[in-house]
Each structure stands twice: as C-alpha cells, then as structure tokens.
Amino acid sequence: MNKDNLHHPEPEQPDIGPALKKHAGRHTSSLWELFTEDVDPQRQTCSTCCNCYQSVFYHKKSVQVKDHLIKCLMFTKYMMEMDEDSHPLWFNEALSDKKLKSRQSSSSVQSLSQASMKQFCLPRLKQSELKQIKDSLAMNFYITGTSFQQVEEKHLLFTFKVARPDVELPNHKILAGPALERCYEKV
C-alpha cells in the first residue's frame, strides 16, 4: 500500500489460480490419449499402444503414432463401433483414403487374377469348438483355483485374440454359473 495515498487503497489483483494460467509450448494432441495411457508420451520416443500392446517408436512425432493407429486392427475395430461423428477428423480422412486405395487396388488385383486372400485366412471356428475352448479354460480356472476375475484381464484376452481373433472368453459370471455346472457334470 502507498503511504501517500492512505484514503485510496490500491486495488488487489485477483488470484487467477493454476487453471487459468497459460502453459508454454504446443497444444498436446488428443491422438496420444487414443494411443497410450502413459503420462506425457509426446516427450518420450517409444510407448506401447493401449489397443494392440505393440511397442511403437516415434521419436516424439505424432505422425508415426497416427500411422500406427490407422493400421492397428484393434483401434480400427474400436473406432468402427463408435458413431462416425465421434471419430477424430484424421481418422475419417485416413478411412476415406483407405477406401479409395482399396477400390483402385481391388480392380488391378482382379485383372491379374491373383488368388483370393480368403484362401489363406484361418477358417472360423465352429460353435462346438468355441464352446470346447471356453469349457477347457473354465476347467483350468477351477483346477488351479484362480480367481474368476482374472479371466477378464486384458493380456489374457489379447493372447487368445492373437491366436484366434474370433474367440470370445467367458466373463467371471459365466465361470461362476453355467460353465461351472457344465464342468461339474463332466467330472
């Protein structure tokens, strides 16, 4: 306060708090949130994709991360389940480019009369085979005394998806109910 001006005190400056302070540097892209759960991944040179668990080296560049996400099947599947309005703009652009390229390449492939990729893909499992996988997994949980919640752990699901993308694992409620009854009847 100024001694000469006792009758007119100086106005106090309002505290703007940490939420309103501007941070120096570039704006962090929302791309990183879709890619990894790491803290400040843009300051690193490598992170693991939270969709397919693959390590991606990007040397602080979001371009490599964007390229990975466009090619990542798990991420693409996740995006396709969402409304198109919810997709990031870069994803929609990449999707339209991919559709255009696939149209161009499919016409050239057909003219060369190449064999179809469907010949080389894994055949879908029959319902009886899928049931057998679920029952065998359930029996493993019962024999080893493993907690039923462990069946919902993402790395276990990823392991099965790598081997067979069409495999659906039972949840802990199915392990505690119908699967337990089926296994009990077999024993």
Protein backbone atom coordinates (compact mmCIF):
# COMPACT_ATOMS: atom_id res chain seq x y z
CA MET A 1 0.00 0.00 0.00
CA ASN A 2 1.25 3.53 -0.78
CA LYS A 3 1.81 5.79 2.31
CA ASP A 4 1.00 8.98 0.37
CA ASN A 5 -2.37 7.67 -0.68
CA LEU A 6 -3.98 6.31 2.52
CA HIS A 7 -7.51 7.30 1.58
CA HIS A 8 -7.40 5.50 -1.78
CA PRO A 9 -6.02 1.98 -1.30
CA GLU A 10 -4.58 0.18 -4.31
CA PRO A 11 -6.93 -2.42 -5.75
CA GLU A 12 -5.87 -6.00 -5.07
CA GLN A 13 -5.08 -8.19 -8.07
CA PRO A 14 -7.34 -11.23 -8.30
CA ASP A 15 -5.65 -14.62 -7.94
CA ILE A 16 -6.12 -16.34 -11.30
CA GLY A 17 -5.18 -19.77 -9.96
CA PRO A 18 -3.43 -22.63 -11.75
CA ALA A 19 -6.38 -23.49 -14.01
CA LEU A 20 -6.27 -20.19 -15.87
CA LYS A 21 -2.50 -19.89 -16.30
CA LYS A 22 -1.27 -20.43 -19.83
CA HIS A 23 1.24 -23.17 -20.45
CA ALA A 24 4.15 -22.57 -22.75
CA GLY A 25 4.67 -24.82 -25.77
CA ARG A 26 2.47 -26.62 -28.22
CA HIS A 27 -1.01 -27.95 -27.58
CA THR A 28 -0.97 -31.70 -26.79
CA SER A 29 -2.86 -33.65 -29.43
CA SER A 30 -5.78 -35.86 -28.41
CA LEU A 31 -4.11 -38.54 -30.53
CA TRP A 32 -1.91 -39.51 -27.59
CA GLU A 33 -4.95 -40.34 -25.41
CA LEU A 34 -6.17 -42.77 -28.07
CA PHE A 35 -2.70 -44.32 -28.37
CA THR A 36 -1.42 -44.91 -24.83
CA GLU A 37 -2.15 -44.48 -21.14
CA ASP A 38 1.40 -43.24 -20.43
CA VAL A 39 1.91 -39.81 -18.87
CA ASP A 40 3.35 -37.27 -21.35
CA PRO A 41 4.07 -39.80 -24.11
CA GLN A 42 4.85 -36.95 -26.53
CA ARG A 43 8.03 -36.32 -24.52
CA GLN A 44 9.21 -39.93 -24.98
CA THR A 45 10.48 -41.80 -28.02
CA CYS A 46 8.60 -45.08 -27.55
CA SER A 47 5.35 -46.24 -25.96
CA THR A 48 3.06 -49.24 -26.00
CA CYS A 49 -0.21 -49.00 -27.89
CA CYS A 50 -3.10 -49.49 -25.44
CA ASN A 51 -5.13 -51.13 -28.23
CA CYS A 52 -2.79 -53.87 -29.53
CA TYR A 53 0.03 -53.68 -26.93
CA GLN A 54 2.67 -53.25 -29.62
CA SER A 55 5.68 -51.05 -28.86
CA VAL A 56 5.87 -48.13 -31.26
CA PHE A 57 8.97 -45.99 -31.75
CA TYR A 58 8.02 -42.48 -32.77
CA HIS A 59 10.86 -40.20 -31.64
CA LYS A 60 8.48 -37.53 -30.31
CA LYS A 61 6.49 -37.39 -33.56
CA SER A 62 2.77 -37.94 -33.66
CA VAL A 63 2.91 -38.84 -37.37
CA GLN A 64 4.29 -42.32 -36.63
CA VAL A 65 1.67 -42.81 -33.92
CA LYS A 66 -1.10 -41.77 -36.31
CA ASP A 67 0.21 -44.19 -38.96
CA HIS A 68 0.27 -46.98 -36.38
CA LEU A 69 -3.30 -46.28 -35.21
CA ILE A 70 -4.57 -46.29 -38.79
CA LYS A 71 -3.01 -49.74 -39.31
CA CYS A 72 -3.90 -51.06 -35.83
CA LEU A 73 -6.77 -53.54 -36.22
CA MET A 74 -7.91 -53.28 -32.60
CA PHE A 75 -8.05 -49.47 -32.77
CA THR A 76 -9.88 -49.55 -36.11
CA LYS A 77 -12.39 -52.03 -34.69
CA TYR A 78 -12.89 -49.79 -31.64
CA MET A 79 -13.43 -46.74 -33.86
CA MET A 80 -15.86 -48.54 -36.16
CA GLU A 81 -18.05 -49.38 -33.16
CA MET A 82 -18.38 -45.66 -32.37
CA ASP A 83 -20.58 -43.12 -34.12
CA GLU A 84 -18.93 -41.58 -37.14
CA ASP A 85 -19.38 -38.14 -35.56
CA SER A 86 -17.18 -39.27 -32.64
CA HIS A 87 -14.25 -40.19 -34.88
CA PRO A 88 -11.28 -37.84 -34.96
CA LEU A 89 -11.01 -35.92 -38.22
CA TRP A 90 -7.68 -37.53 -39.14
CA PHE A 91 -9.25 -41.00 -38.78
CA ASN A 92 -12.12 -40.18 -41.13
CA GLU A 93 -9.67 -38.78 -43.69
CA ALA A 94 -7.49 -41.89 -43.45
CA LEU A 95 -10.56 -44.11 -43.74
CA SER A 96 -11.73 -42.37 -46.91
CA ASP A 97 -8.20 -42.58 -48.38
CA LYS A 98 -8.04 -46.28 -47.49
CA LYS A 99 -11.40 -46.94 -49.18
CA LEU A 100 -10.25 -45.12 -52.31
CA LYS A 101 -6.98 -47.07 -52.45
CA SER A 102 -8.75 -50.38 -51.86
CA ARG A 103 -11.11 -49.69 -54.76
CA GLN A 104 -8.16 -48.92 -57.04
CA SER A 105 -6.11 -51.91 -55.90
CA SER A 106 -9.00 -54.38 -56.00
CA SER A 107 -9.63 -53.66 -59.67
CA SER A 108 -5.95 -54.18 -60.50
CA VAL A 109 -5.80 -57.38 -58.42
CA GLN A 110 -8.82 -58.82 -60.17
CA SER A 111 -7.32 -58.10 -63.56
CA LEU A 112 -4.16 -60.01 -62.59
CA SER A 113 -6.35 -62.95 -61.49
CA GLN A 114 -4.46 -63.42 -58.26
CA ALA A 115 -5.65 -65.88 -55.65
CA SER A 116 -8.03 -64.50 -53.07
CA MET A 117 -6.67 -63.75 -49.59
CA LYS A 118 -9.63 -65.63 -48.15
CA GLN A 119 -7.89 -68.88 -49.13
CA PHE A 120 -5.07 -68.13 -46.72
CA CYS A 121 -7.10 -66.92 -43.75
CA LEU A 122 -7.94 -69.09 -40.77
CA PRO A 123 -11.34 -70.71 -41.07
CA ARG A 124 -13.89 -69.62 -38.49
CA LEU A 125 -14.27 -71.94 -35.54
CA LYS A 126 -17.47 -73.94 -35.19
CA GLN A 127 -19.72 -73.22 -32.22
CA SER A 128 -18.80 -76.59 -30.71
CA GLU A 129 -15.09 -75.70 -30.93
CA LEU A 130 -15.67 -72.30 -29.32
CA LYS A 131 -17.64 -73.99 -26.53
CA GLN A 132 -14.83 -76.50 -26.04
CA ILE A 133 -12.29 -73.66 -25.68
CA LYS A 134 -14.49 -71.91 -23.10
CA ASP A 135 -15.05 -75.14 -21.14
CA SER A 136 -11.34 -76.01 -21.15
CA LEU A 137 -10.46 -72.52 -19.97
CA ALA A 138 -13.10 -72.74 -17.24
CA MET A 139 -11.78 -76.14 -16.12
CA ASN A 140 -8.28 -74.61 -15.90
CA PHE A 141 -9.63 -71.90 -13.59
CA TYR A 142 -11.37 -74.46 -11.37
CA ILE A 143 -8.42 -76.87 -11.12
CA THR A 144 -5.81 -74.16 -10.42
CA GLY A 145 -8.04 -72.21 -8.03
CA THR A 146 -7.52 -68.99 -9.96
CA SER A 147 -9.83 -66.07 -9.22
CA PHE A 148 -12.63 -65.80 -11.77
CA GLN A 149 -11.96 -62.07 -12.25
CA GLN A 150 -8.62 -63.00 -13.87
CA VAL A 151 -10.48 -64.17 -16.99
CA GLU A 152 -11.27 -60.50 -17.74
CA GLU A 153 -7.60 -59.44 -17.60
CA LYS A 154 -6.76 -57.74 -20.92
CA HIS A 155 -3.49 -59.61 -21.57
CA LEU A 156 -5.21 -63.00 -21.42
CA LEU A 157 -7.81 -61.83 -23.93
CA PHE A 158 -5.07 -60.40 -26.15
CA THR A 159 -3.24 -63.75 -26.08
CA PHE A 160 -6.33 -65.56 -27.32
CA LYS A 161 -7.07 -62.86 -29.92
CA VAL A 162 -3.59 -63.18 -31.40
CA ALA A 163 -4.12 -66.90 -31.96
CA ARG A 164 -7.78 -66.74 -32.92
CA PRO A 165 -9.48 -63.37 -33.44
CA ASP A 166 -12.96 -64.94 -33.29
CA VAL A 167 -12.54 -66.36 -29.75
CA GLU A 168 -14.75 -64.79 -27.07
CA LEU A 169 -13.75 -65.51 -23.48
CA PRO A 170 -16.40 -66.06 -20.80
CA ASN A 171 -16.75 -63.41 -18.11
CA HIS A 172 -16.49 -64.12 -14.37
CA LYS A 173 -20.26 -64.52 -14.02
CA ILE A 174 -20.35 -67.28 -16.64
CA LEU A 175 -17.40 -69.00 -14.94
CA ALA A 176 -19.27 -68.95 -11.63
CA GLY A 177 -22.55 -70.13 -13.17
CA PRO A 178 -23.25 -72.07 -16.38
CA ALA A 179 -19.63 -73.05 -17.11
CA LEU A 180 -19.19 -74.40 -13.58
CA GLU A 181 -22.33 -76.52 -13.93
CA ARG A 182 -21.21 -77.95 -17.32
CA CYS A 183 -17.75 -78.83 -15.96
CA TYR A 184 -19.24 -80.37 -12.82
CA GLU A 185 -21.48 -82.62 -14.96
CA LYS A 186 -18.45 -83.81 -16.96
CA VAL A 187 -16.49 -84.75 -13.86
